[in-house]
Amino acid sequence: MSFTKDELPVYAPIEEQLVKETGRSRSGVYKDALKFYANHRQISKLQLV
């Protein structure tokens, strides 16, 4: 994962904090985030029905 120079000051500290707090690798944090996002979208769709 890479960020633009404008995004780096925003996302790098968040990424660093999540890696430190969870004990996961950067890859693990991103995988967890993708799963969370996908599940959240699915739940939102179900609530609309």
Protein backbone atom coordinates (compact mmCIF):
# COMPACT_ATOMS: atom_id res chain seq x y z
CA MET A 1 0.00 0.00 0.00
CA SER A 2 1.33 3.41 -0.86
CA PHE A 3 0.06 6.91 -0.24
CA THR A 4 0.44 10.22 -2.00
CA LYS A 5 2.53 12.85 -0.24
CA ASP A 6 -0.69 14.56 0.92
CA GLU A 7 -2.18 11.33 2.27
CA LEU A 8 0.95 10.15 4.07
CA PRO A 9 0.69 12.48 7.10
CA VAL A 10 -2.93 11.41 7.59
CA TYR A 11 -2.77 7.64 7.10
CA ALA A 12 0.72 6.70 8.26
CA PRO A 13 0.10 7.53 11.94
CA ILE A 14 -3.23 5.70 11.90
CA GLU A 15 -1.61 2.67 10.29
CA GLU A 16 1.28 2.76 12.76
CA GLN A 17 -1.08 2.99 15.74
CA LEU A 18 -3.24 0.08 14.55
CA VAL A 19 -0.18 -2.10 13.94
CA LYS A 20 1.11 -1.30 17.43
CA GLU A 21 -2.24 -1.77 19.19
CA THR A 22 -3.26 -4.97 17.42
CA GLY A 23 0.14 -6.61 17.11
CA ARG A 24 -0.71 -7.39 13.49
CA SER A 25 1.43 -6.72 10.45
CA ARG A 26 0.53 -3.91 8.03
CA SER A 27 -0.88 -6.56 5.74
CA GLY A 28 -2.96 -8.01 8.56
CA VAL A 29 -4.35 -4.59 9.45
CA TYR A 30 -5.40 -3.99 5.84
CA LYS A 31 -6.99 -7.43 5.56
CA ASP A 32 -8.95 -6.82 8.76
CA ALA A 33 -10.02 -3.40 7.49
CA LEU A 34 -11.25 -4.86 4.20
CA LYS A 35 -13.25 -7.55 6.01
CA PHE A 36 -14.74 -4.94 8.36
CA TYR A 37 -15.66 -2.65 5.46
CA ALA A 38 -17.22 -5.46 3.43
CA ASN A 39 -19.23 -6.70 6.43
CA HIS A 40 -20.37 -3.19 7.26
CA ARG A 41 -21.60 -2.64 3.70
CA GLN A 42 -23.44 -5.97 3.75
CA ILE A 43 -25.16 -5.14 7.03
CA SER A 44 -26.14 -1.71 5.70
CA LYS A 45 -27.72 -3.32 2.64
CA LEU A 46 -29.68 -5.76 4.81
CA GLN A 47 -31.06 -2.94 6.96
CA LEU A 48 -32.51 -1.27 3.87
CA VAL A 49 -34.57 -4.33 2.95
